[in-house]
């Protein structure tokens, strides 16, 4: 009789540990229960599955750190320390750029559980469309993520999402050995 005692994921599939109990339950001679690894794929894939989990955890730490930096930039109000026109530009467009950038990386964290997000093009499109739809609603007088329509915001949404895609695909794989593109 086989009883599954635990499981861990490997690229959306499962490798199960199975507990094999001798016929009639426990052995009469000593009550021993034999356990062995049941693996539909090669044993090296089972070892690699733990490596995959560790890479995902490291990626999550990078993304959470980025989100904390973005939050800190908004809380501290970096724009207060900028002179004249830079002050206006910061408060007009910084959030329009950095929020899609941050959301792109939140989607990077979600791609493990939502397979459609594994393609960078999908993450880029969703990251641009979400605030663009809100901006379009503002044009029609519907308050969504703000109340004033500014057509330049579309460019900042696109720039933020595109910059995030470039960072994810080209920069992070060079900096972090655990970040595969």
N, C-alpha and C. Protein backbone atom coordinates (compact mmCIF):
# COMPACT_ATOMS: atom_id res chain seq x y z
N UNK A 1 0.85 -1.16 0.00
CA UNK A 1 0.00 0.00 0.00
C UNK A 1 0.90 1.23 0.00
N UNK A 2 0.62 2.24 -0.82
CA UNK A 2 1.44 3.44 -0.91
C UNK A 2 0.65 4.62 -0.36
N UNK A 3 1.26 5.37 0.52
CA UNK A 3 0.65 6.55 1.09
C UNK A 3 1.57 7.74 0.81
N UNK A 4 1.03 8.80 0.24
CA UNK A 4 1.85 9.97 -0.04
C UNK A 4 2.01 10.74 1.27
N UNK A 5 3.28 10.98 1.65
CA UNK A 5 3.54 11.68 2.91
C UNK A 5 3.93 13.13 2.72
N UNK A 6 4.25 13.55 1.54
CA UNK A 6 4.63 14.93 1.30
C UNK A 6 4.85 15.15 -0.17
N UNK A 7 4.87 16.37 -0.59
CA UNK A 7 5.11 16.67 -2.01
C UNK A 7 5.73 18.04 -2.12
N UNK A 8 6.51 18.22 -3.16
CA UNK A 8 7.01 19.55 -3.48
C UNK A 8 6.98 19.70 -4.98
N UNK A 9 6.82 20.93 -5.44
CA UNK A 9 6.62 21.18 -6.86
C UNK A 9 7.91 21.28 -7.64
N UNK A 10 7.85 20.92 -8.88
CA UNK A 10 8.96 21.09 -9.81
C UNK A 10 8.39 21.54 -11.13
N UNK A 11 8.53 22.81 -11.46
CA UNK A 11 8.02 23.38 -12.71
C UNK A 11 6.55 23.04 -12.94
N UNK A 12 5.75 23.15 -11.90
CA UNK A 12 4.33 22.93 -12.05
C UNK A 12 3.90 21.47 -11.97
N UNK A 13 4.85 20.56 -11.90
CA UNK A 13 4.53 19.14 -11.73
C UNK A 13 4.98 18.73 -10.34
N UNK A 14 4.52 17.58 -9.88
CA UNK A 14 4.84 17.18 -8.53
C UNK A 14 5.69 15.93 -8.50
N UNK A 15 6.63 15.91 -7.59
CA UNK A 15 7.42 14.74 -7.31
C UNK A 15 6.98 14.33 -5.91
N UNK A 16 6.46 13.15 -5.75
CA UNK A 16 5.91 12.76 -4.46
C UNK A 16 6.84 11.82 -3.72
N UNK A 17 6.89 11.97 -2.42
CA UNK A 17 7.58 11.00 -1.58
C UNK A 17 6.51 9.98 -1.19
N UNK A 18 6.80 8.71 -1.35
CA UNK A 18 5.81 7.69 -1.02
C UNK A 18 6.30 6.85 0.14
N UNK A 19 5.40 6.49 0.99
CA UNK A 19 5.70 5.62 2.12
C UNK A 19 5.16 4.25 1.76
N UNK A 20 6.03 3.26 1.72
CA UNK A 20 5.63 1.92 1.35
C UNK A 20 5.54 1.09 2.63
N UNK A 21 4.38 0.57 2.90
CA UNK A 21 4.16 -0.26 4.08
C UNK A 21 4.09 -1.71 3.62
N UNK A 22 4.78 -2.58 4.35
CA UNK A 22 4.77 -4.00 3.99
C UNK A 22 3.37 -4.58 4.01
N UNK A 23 3.21 -5.77 3.42
CA UNK A 23 1.89 -6.39 3.36
C UNK A 23 1.33 -6.61 4.75
N UNK A 24 0.06 -6.32 4.90
CA UNK A 24 -0.60 -6.52 6.18
C UNK A 24 -0.23 -5.44 7.19
N UNK A 25 0.25 -4.34 6.75
CA UNK A 25 0.62 -3.27 7.67
C UNK A 25 2.09 -3.35 8.02
N UNK A 26 2.42 -3.13 9.26
CA UNK A 26 3.81 -3.15 9.69
C UNK A 26 4.31 -4.57 9.76
N UNK A 27 5.59 -4.74 9.60
CA UNK A 27 6.23 -6.05 9.67
C UNK A 27 6.00 -6.67 11.04
N UNK A 28 5.61 -7.92 11.09
CA UNK A 28 5.40 -8.60 12.37
C UNK A 28 6.72 -8.80 13.09
N UNK A 29 7.82 -8.93 12.34
CA UNK A 29 9.12 -9.20 12.95
C UNK A 29 9.65 -8.01 13.73
N UNK A 30 9.33 -6.85 13.41
CA UNK A 30 9.91 -5.72 14.14
C UNK A 30 9.13 -4.44 13.95
N UNK A 31 8.03 -4.50 13.27
CA UNK A 31 7.22 -3.32 13.05
C UNK A 31 7.91 -2.27 12.20
N UNK A 32 8.80 -2.72 11.31
CA UNK A 32 9.52 -1.77 10.47
C UNK A 32 8.65 -1.31 9.31
N UNK A 33 8.81 -0.06 8.98
CA UNK A 33 8.12 0.51 7.81
C UNK A 33 9.21 0.96 6.86
N UNK A 34 9.13 0.51 5.63
CA UNK A 34 10.12 0.89 4.63
C UNK A 34 9.64 2.14 3.90
N UNK A 35 10.54 3.06 3.71
CA UNK A 35 10.21 4.27 2.95
C UNK A 35 11.19 4.38 1.79
N UNK A 36 10.70 4.82 0.66
CA UNK A 36 11.57 5.05 -0.47
C UNK A 36 11.04 6.22 -1.27
N UNK A 37 11.90 6.75 -2.09
CA UNK A 37 11.53 7.89 -2.92
C UNK A 37 10.86 7.40 -4.19
N UNK A 38 9.69 7.93 -4.49
CA UNK A 38 9.02 7.64 -5.75
C UNK A 38 9.18 8.85 -6.63
N UNK A 39 9.77 8.66 -7.78
CA UNK A 39 10.06 9.79 -8.66
C UNK A 39 9.80 9.35 -10.09
N UNK A 40 8.92 10.08 -10.78
CA UNK A 40 8.62 9.73 -12.17
C UNK A 40 9.72 10.16 -13.12
N UNK A 41 10.59 11.05 -12.66
CA UNK A 41 11.67 11.54 -13.49
C UNK A 41 13.01 11.13 -12.88
N UNK A 42 14.07 11.57 -13.47
CA UNK A 42 15.41 11.21 -13.01
C UNK A 42 15.67 11.79 -11.62
N UNK A 43 16.47 11.10 -10.79
CA UNK A 43 16.75 11.59 -9.44
C UNK A 43 17.40 12.97 -9.41
N UNK A 44 18.19 13.30 -10.42
CA UNK A 44 18.82 14.63 -10.43
C UNK A 44 17.78 15.73 -10.55
N UNK A 45 16.63 15.43 -11.16
CA UNK A 45 15.56 16.43 -11.24
C UNK A 45 14.96 16.67 -9.86
N UNK A 46 14.90 15.62 -9.03
CA UNK A 46 14.39 15.78 -7.68
C UNK A 46 15.33 16.68 -6.89
N UNK A 47 16.64 16.48 -7.05
CA UNK A 47 17.60 17.35 -6.37
C UNK A 47 17.49 18.77 -6.90
N UNK A 48 17.30 18.92 -8.20
CA UNK A 48 17.20 20.24 -8.81
C UNK A 48 15.94 20.96 -8.37
N UNK A 49 14.89 20.22 -8.02
CA UNK A 49 13.64 20.85 -7.60
C UNK A 49 13.87 21.69 -6.36
N UNK A 50 14.70 21.23 -5.45
CA UNK A 50 15.01 22.03 -4.28
C UNK A 50 15.78 23.28 -4.71
N UNK A 51 16.67 23.15 -5.70
CA UNK A 51 17.39 24.30 -6.22
C UNK A 51 16.45 25.31 -6.85
N UNK A 52 15.42 24.83 -7.54
CA UNK A 52 14.42 25.71 -8.14
C UNK A 52 13.69 26.48 -7.05
N UNK A 53 13.30 25.78 -5.98
CA UNK A 53 12.61 26.45 -4.88
C UNK A 53 13.49 27.52 -4.25
N UNK A 54 14.78 27.24 -4.09
CA UNK A 54 15.69 28.21 -3.49
C UNK A 54 15.86 29.43 -4.41
N UNK A 55 15.93 29.19 -5.73
CA UNK A 55 16.02 30.31 -6.66
C UNK A 55 14.79 31.19 -6.58
N UNK A 56 13.60 30.57 -6.47
CA UNK A 56 12.37 31.35 -6.37
C UNK A 56 12.36 32.17 -5.09
N UNK A 57 12.85 31.61 -4.01
CA UNK A 57 12.90 32.36 -2.75
C UNK A 57 13.85 33.55 -2.85
N UNK A 58 14.97 33.37 -3.51
CA UNK A 58 15.91 34.47 -3.70
C UNK A 58 15.31 35.55 -4.59
N UNK A 59 14.62 35.12 -5.64
CA UNK A 59 13.95 36.10 -6.51
C UNK A 59 12.91 36.89 -5.72
N UNK A 60 12.16 36.20 -4.87
CA UNK A 60 11.16 36.88 -4.06
C UNK A 60 11.80 37.90 -3.13
N UNK A 61 12.96 37.57 -2.58
CA UNK A 61 13.66 38.53 -1.71
C UNK A 61 14.06 39.78 -2.48
N UNK A 62 14.52 39.60 -3.71
CA UNK A 62 14.90 40.75 -4.54
C UNK A 62 13.68 41.61 -4.83
N UNK A 63 12.57 40.99 -5.19
CA UNK A 63 11.36 41.74 -5.53
C UNK A 63 10.80 42.46 -4.31
N UNK A 64 10.77 41.78 -3.18
CA UNK A 64 10.27 42.42 -1.96
C UNK A 64 11.16 43.60 -1.59
N UNK A 65 12.46 43.46 -1.74
CA UNK A 65 13.38 44.57 -1.46
C UNK A 65 13.09 45.76 -2.39
N UNK A 66 12.83 45.47 -3.66
CA UNK A 66 12.49 46.54 -4.61
C UNK A 66 11.20 47.23 -4.20
N UNK A 67 10.21 46.47 -3.78
CA UNK A 67 8.93 47.06 -3.37
C UNK A 67 9.11 47.95 -2.14
N UNK A 68 9.98 47.51 -1.22
CA UNK A 68 10.24 48.33 -0.03
C UNK A 68 10.94 49.64 -0.40
N UNK A 69 11.86 49.58 -1.37
CA UNK A 69 12.52 50.80 -1.83
C UNK A 69 11.53 51.76 -2.51
N UNK A 70 10.64 51.21 -3.30
CA UNK A 70 9.62 52.03 -3.97
C UNK A 70 8.71 52.67 -2.92
N UNK A 71 8.31 51.89 -1.93
CA UNK A 71 7.46 52.43 -0.86
C UNK A 71 8.21 53.52 -0.09
N UNK A 72 9.48 53.28 0.21
CA UNK A 72 10.28 54.26 0.95
C UNK A 72 10.41 55.56 0.15
N UNK A 73 10.59 55.45 -1.16
CA UNK A 73 10.70 56.65 -2.00
C UNK A 73 9.42 57.48 -1.93
N UNK A 74 8.27 56.81 -1.85
CA UNK A 74 7.00 57.53 -1.76
C UNK A 74 6.79 58.11 -0.36
N UNK A 75 7.18 57.36 0.66
CA UNK A 75 6.97 57.83 2.03
C UNK A 75 7.90 59.00 2.35
N UNK A 76 9.16 58.88 1.97
CA UNK A 76 10.13 59.93 2.25
C UNK A 76 9.83 61.18 1.43
N UNK A 77 9.31 60.98 0.23
CA UNK A 77 9.00 62.12 -0.64
C UNK A 77 10.25 62.75 -1.20
N UNK A 78 10.96 61.98 -1.98
CA UNK A 78 12.23 62.43 -2.55
C UNK A 78 12.05 63.76 -3.29
N UNK A 79 10.90 63.97 -3.87
CA UNK A 79 10.64 65.20 -4.62
C UNK A 79 10.78 66.46 -3.80
N UNK A 80 10.57 66.34 -2.48
CA UNK A 80 10.71 67.51 -1.61
C UNK A 80 12.13 68.06 -1.60
N UNK A 81 13.08 67.23 -1.97
CA UNK A 81 14.48 67.65 -1.94
C UNK A 81 14.99 68.09 -3.32
N UNK A 82 14.10 68.11 -4.30
CA UNK A 82 14.50 68.49 -5.65
C UNK A 82 14.13 69.95 -5.92
N UNK A 83 14.96 70.65 -6.69
CA UNK A 83 14.68 72.07 -6.97
C UNK A 83 13.76 72.26 -8.17
N UNK A 84 12.95 73.29 -8.15
CA UNK A 84 12.16 73.80 -9.27
C UNK A 84 11.47 72.79 -10.16
N UNK A 85 11.93 72.75 -11.42
CA UNK A 85 11.29 71.90 -12.42
C UNK A 85 11.42 70.41 -12.10
N UNK A 86 12.51 70.01 -11.50
CA UNK A 86 12.67 68.60 -11.12
C UNK A 86 11.60 68.19 -10.10
N UNK A 87 11.26 69.12 -9.21
CA UNK A 87 10.20 68.88 -8.24
C UNK A 87 8.89 68.59 -8.96
N UNK A 88 8.55 69.42 -9.94
CA UNK A 88 7.30 69.24 -10.70
C UNK A 88 7.31 67.93 -11.49
N UNK A 89 8.43 67.65 -12.14
CA UNK A 89 8.53 66.40 -12.91
C UNK A 89 8.39 65.18 -12.00
N UNK A 90 9.04 65.23 -10.85
CA UNK A 90 8.96 64.11 -9.92
C UNK A 90 7.52 63.85 -9.52
N UNK A 91 6.84 64.88 -9.06
CA UNK A 91 5.47 64.68 -8.59
C UNK A 91 4.47 64.47 -9.72
N UNK A 92 4.82 64.82 -10.93
CA UNK A 92 3.92 64.58 -12.06
C UNK A 92 4.08 63.17 -12.63
N UNK A 93 5.32 62.65 -12.66
CA UNK A 93 5.54 61.43 -13.43
C UNK A 93 6.28 60.30 -12.72
N UNK A 94 6.86 60.54 -11.55
CA UNK A 94 7.62 59.48 -10.89
C UNK A 94 6.76 58.25 -10.63
N UNK A 95 5.60 58.45 -10.03
CA UNK A 95 4.71 57.31 -9.74
C UNK A 95 4.21 56.65 -11.02
N UNK A 96 3.99 57.44 -12.05
CA UNK A 96 3.54 56.88 -13.32
C UNK A 96 4.59 55.96 -13.93
N UNK A 97 5.85 56.22 -13.63
CA UNK A 97 6.94 55.37 -14.12
C UNK A 97 7.20 54.20 -13.19
N UNK A 98 7.30 54.47 -11.90
CA UNK A 98 7.78 53.46 -10.96
C UNK A 98 6.72 52.42 -10.60
N UNK A 99 5.45 52.78 -10.62
CA UNK A 99 4.41 51.81 -10.27
C UNK A 99 4.31 50.67 -11.30
N UNK A 100 4.29 50.95 -12.61
CA UNK A 100 4.32 49.83 -13.56
C UNK A 100 5.61 49.01 -13.44
N UNK A 101 6.71 49.69 -13.16
CA UNK A 101 7.98 48.99 -12.95
C UNK A 101 7.84 47.98 -11.80
N UNK A 102 7.29 48.43 -10.68
CA UNK A 102 7.10 47.56 -9.54
C UNK A 102 6.10 46.45 -9.80
N UNK A 103 4.99 46.78 -10.46
CA UNK A 103 3.98 45.76 -10.75
C UNK A 103 4.54 44.67 -11.66
N UNK A 104 5.40 45.03 -12.59
CA UNK A 104 6.01 44.03 -13.46
C UNK A 104 6.72 42.97 -12.62
N UNK A 105 7.45 43.41 -11.60
CA UNK A 105 8.18 42.46 -10.77
C UNK A 105 7.27 41.70 -9.81
N UNK A 106 6.14 42.29 -9.44
CA UNK A 106 5.16 41.51 -8.68
C UNK A 106 4.61 40.38 -9.55
N UNK A 107 4.42 40.66 -10.83
CA UNK A 107 4.00 39.61 -11.75
C UNK A 107 5.09 38.55 -11.91
N UNK A 108 6.35 38.96 -11.82
CA UNK A 108 7.44 37.97 -11.85
C UNK A 108 7.33 37.00 -10.68
N UNK A 109 6.91 37.51 -9.52
CA UNK A 109 6.71 36.63 -8.37
C UNK A 109 5.52 35.69 -8.59
N UNK A 110 4.50 36.18 -9.27
CA UNK A 110 3.28 35.40 -9.47
C UNK A 110 3.41 34.37 -10.58
N UNK A 111 4.42 34.50 -11.43
CA UNK A 111 4.51 33.62 -12.60
C UNK A 111 4.71 32.16 -12.24
N UNK A 112 5.20 31.88 -11.04
CA UNK A 112 5.36 30.48 -10.62
C UNK A 112 4.00 29.80 -10.51
N UNK A 113 2.98 30.54 -10.08
CA UNK A 113 1.65 29.97 -9.90
C UNK A 113 0.69 30.28 -11.04
N UNK A 114 1.00 31.27 -11.85
CA UNK A 114 0.14 31.65 -12.98
C UNK A 114 0.97 31.51 -14.25
N UNK A 115 0.91 30.37 -14.91
CA UNK A 115 1.80 30.09 -16.04
C UNK A 115 1.74 31.10 -17.18
N UNK A 116 0.60 31.74 -17.41
CA UNK A 116 0.51 32.68 -18.52
C UNK A 116 1.45 33.87 -18.30
N UNK A 117 1.82 34.15 -17.06
CA UNK A 117 2.71 35.27 -16.76
C UNK A 117 4.18 34.94 -16.97
N UNK A 118 4.50 33.73 -17.36
CA UNK A 118 5.90 33.36 -17.56
C UNK A 118 6.52 34.02 -18.78
N UNK A 119 5.72 34.46 -19.71
CA UNK A 119 6.24 35.16 -20.89
C UNK A 119 6.36 36.64 -20.56
N UNK A 120 7.51 37.21 -20.85
CA UNK A 120 7.74 38.61 -20.51
C UNK A 120 6.80 39.53 -21.27
N UNK A 121 6.39 39.12 -22.48
CA UNK A 121 5.50 39.96 -23.27
C UNK A 121 4.14 40.12 -22.58
N UNK A 122 3.68 39.04 -21.95
CA UNK A 122 2.39 39.10 -21.25
C UNK A 122 2.51 40.03 -20.04
N UNK A 123 3.59 39.85 -19.27
CA UNK A 123 3.78 40.73 -18.11
C UNK A 123 3.87 42.20 -18.54
N UNK A 124 4.59 42.46 -19.61
CA UNK A 124 4.74 43.82 -20.12
C UNK A 124 3.37 44.39 -20.52
N UNK A 125 2.59 43.61 -21.27
CA UNK A 125 1.28 44.06 -21.72
C UNK A 125 0.33 44.35 -20.57
N UNK A 126 0.26 43.44 -19.62
CA UNK A 126 -0.65 43.62 -18.48
C UNK A 126 -0.20 44.81 -17.64
N UNK A 127 1.11 44.93 -17.45
CA UNK A 127 1.65 46.02 -16.64
C UNK A 127 1.37 47.38 -17.27
N UNK A 128 1.37 47.46 -18.59
CA UNK A 128 1.03 48.72 -19.26
C UNK A 128 -0.48 48.94 -19.28
N UNK A 129 -1.24 47.92 -19.58
CA UNK A 129 -2.69 48.09 -19.77
C UNK A 129 -3.44 48.47 -18.49
N UNK A 130 -3.02 47.94 -17.37
CA UNK A 130 -3.76 48.24 -16.12
C UNK A 130 -3.81 49.75 -15.83
N UNK A 131 -2.68 50.44 -15.75
CA UNK A 131 -2.78 51.89 -15.49
C UNK A 131 -3.31 52.67 -16.71
N UNK A 132 -3.08 52.15 -17.92
CA UNK A 132 -3.59 52.85 -19.11
C UNK A 132 -5.11 52.85 -19.12
N UNK A 133 -5.71 51.76 -18.69
CA UNK A 133 -7.17 51.72 -18.60
C UNK A 133 -7.66 52.72 -17.55
N UNK A 134 -6.97 52.78 -16.42
CA UNK A 134 -7.34 53.75 -15.37
C UNK A 134 -7.21 55.18 -15.90
N UNK A 135 -6.16 55.44 -16.67
CA UNK A 135 -5.96 56.78 -17.24
C UNK A 135 -7.09 57.12 -18.23
N UNK A 136 -7.49 56.15 -19.01
CA UNK A 136 -8.58 56.35 -19.97
C UNK A 136 -9.89 56.64 -19.22
N UNK A 137 -10.11 55.95 -18.11
CA UNK A 137 -11.30 56.23 -17.30
C UNK A 137 -11.27 57.66 -16.77
N UNK A 138 -10.09 58.14 -16.42
CA UNK A 138 -9.96 59.53 -15.96
C UNK A 138 -10.34 60.50 -17.07
N UNK A 139 -10.01 60.16 -18.30
CA UNK A 139 -10.39 61.00 -19.44
C UNK A 139 -11.90 61.17 -19.51
N UNK A 140 -12.62 60.09 -19.18
CA UNK A 140 -14.08 60.13 -19.22
C UNK A 140 -14.69 60.61 -17.91
N UNK A 141 -13.87 61.11 -17.00
CA UNK A 141 -14.38 61.68 -15.76
C UNK A 141 -14.59 60.68 -14.64
N UNK A 142 -14.15 59.46 -14.83
CA UNK A 142 -14.28 58.43 -13.80
C UNK A 142 -12.96 58.36 -13.03
N UNK A 143 -13.03 58.63 -11.73
CA UNK A 143 -11.80 58.62 -10.93
C UNK A 143 -11.32 57.18 -10.71
N UNK A 144 -10.15 56.89 -11.20
CA UNK A 144 -9.52 55.59 -11.02
C UNK A 144 -8.01 55.81 -10.91
N UNK A 145 -7.45 55.55 -9.76
CA UNK A 145 -6.03 55.80 -9.47
C UNK A 145 -5.65 57.26 -9.68
N UNK A 146 -6.59 58.13 -9.58
CA UNK A 146 -6.34 59.56 -9.76
C UNK A 146 -7.57 60.23 -10.34
N UNK A 147 -7.44 61.54 -10.54
CA UNK A 147 -8.62 62.25 -11.05
C UNK A 147 -8.33 63.13 -12.25
N UNK A 148 -7.06 63.37 -12.55
CA UNK A 148 -6.74 64.25 -13.68
C UNK A 148 -6.13 63.45 -14.82
N UNK A 149 -6.64 63.68 -15.99
CA UNK A 149 -6.14 63.01 -17.19
C UNK A 149 -4.92 63.75 -17.71
N UNK A 150 -3.87 63.00 -18.02
CA UNK A 150 -2.66 63.56 -18.63
C UNK A 150 -2.17 62.56 -19.67
N UNK A 151 -2.23 62.91 -20.95
CA UNK A 151 -1.83 61.95 -21.98
C UNK A 151 -0.36 61.52 -21.88
N UNK A 152 0.50 62.34 -21.26
CA UNK A 152 1.90 61.94 -21.10
C UNK A 152 2.06 60.77 -20.12
N UNK A 153 1.02 60.56 -19.30
CA UNK A 153 1.07 59.42 -18.38
C UNK A 153 1.19 58.09 -19.14
N UNK A 154 0.55 57.99 -20.30
CA UNK A 154 0.66 56.76 -21.09
C UNK A 154 2.12 56.45 -21.42
N UNK A 155 2.86 57.48 -21.78
CA UNK A 155 4.28 57.28 -22.08
C UNK A 155 5.06 56.82 -20.87
N UNK A 156 4.73 57.37 -19.71
CA UNK A 156 5.43 56.96 -18.49
C UNK A 156 5.08 55.53 -18.10
N UNK A 157 3.81 55.14 -18.31
CA UNK A 157 3.43 53.74 -18.04
C UNK A 157 4.22 52.80 -18.94
N UNK A 158 4.30 53.15 -20.21
CA UNK A 158 5.03 52.32 -21.17
C UNK A 158 6.51 52.28 -20.83
N UNK A 159 7.09 53.43 -20.46
CA UNK A 159 8.51 53.47 -20.12
C UNK A 159 8.81 52.65 -18.87
N UNK A 160 7.95 52.74 -17.88
CA UNK A 160 8.16 51.96 -16.65
C UNK A 160 8.06 50.47 -16.89
N UNK A 161 7.06 50.05 -17.65
CA UNK A 161 6.90 48.62 -17.95
C UNK A 161 8.04 48.11 -18.82
N UNK A 162 8.43 48.89 -19.83
CA UNK A 162 9.51 48.46 -20.72
C UNK A 162 10.85 48.40 -19.98
N UNK A 163 11.09 49.36 -19.10
CA UNK A 163 12.33 49.34 -18.32
C UNK A 163 12.37 48.12 -17.42
N UNK A 164 11.25 47.77 -16.82
CA UNK A 164 11.20 46.58 -15.97
C UNK A 164 11.48 45.32 -16.78
N UNK A 165 10.93 45.24 -17.98
CA UNK A 165 11.18 44.06 -18.83
C UNK A 165 12.65 43.97 -19.20
N UNK A 166 13.26 45.10 -19.49
CA UNK A 166 14.69 45.10 -19.83
C UNK A 166 15.52 44.67 -18.62
N UNK A 167 15.17 45.20 -17.46
CA UNK A 167 15.91 44.83 -16.24
C UNK A 167 15.75 43.34 -15.97
N UNK A 168 14.53 42.83 -16.10
CA UNK A 168 14.31 41.41 -15.83
C UNK A 168 15.01 40.51 -16.84
N UNK A 169 14.97 40.86 -18.09
CA UNK A 169 15.52 39.99 -19.14
C UNK A 169 17.02 40.14 -19.35
N UNK A 170 17.56 41.35 -19.18
CA UNK A 170 18.96 41.59 -19.52
C UNK A 170 19.87 41.91 -18.34
N UNK A 171 19.37 42.66 -17.37
CA UNK A 171 20.23 43.11 -16.28
C UNK A 171 20.30 42.09 -15.14
N UNK A 172 19.15 41.67 -14.62
CA UNK A 172 19.16 40.76 -13.48
C UNK A 172 19.86 39.43 -13.74
N UNK A 173 19.73 38.81 -14.92
CA UNK A 173 20.47 37.56 -15.15
C UNK A 173 21.99 37.75 -15.09
N UNK A 174 22.47 38.94 -15.37
CA UNK A 174 23.91 39.21 -15.28
C UNK A 174 24.36 39.49 -13.86
N UNK A 175 23.46 40.04 -13.05
CA UNK A 175 23.81 40.39 -11.67
C UNK A 175 23.60 39.20 -10.73
N UNK A 176 22.47 38.53 -10.88
CA UNK A 176 22.09 37.44 -9.98
C UNK A 176 22.17 36.11 -10.72
N UNK A 177 22.96 35.17 -10.18
CA UNK A 177 23.07 33.86 -10.84
C UNK A 177 21.79 33.04 -10.72
N UNK A 178 20.92 33.39 -9.80
CA UNK A 178 19.65 32.66 -9.61
C UNK A 178 18.52 33.22 -10.46
N UNK A 179 18.77 34.32 -11.18
CA UNK A 179 17.72 34.95 -11.98
C UNK A 179 17.87 34.51 -13.43
N UNK A 180 17.08 33.53 -13.83
CA UNK A 180 17.12 33.07 -15.21
C UNK A 180 16.09 33.83 -16.01
N UNK A 181 16.44 34.21 -17.23
CA UNK A 181 15.53 35.02 -18.06
C UNK A 181 14.59 34.16 -18.85
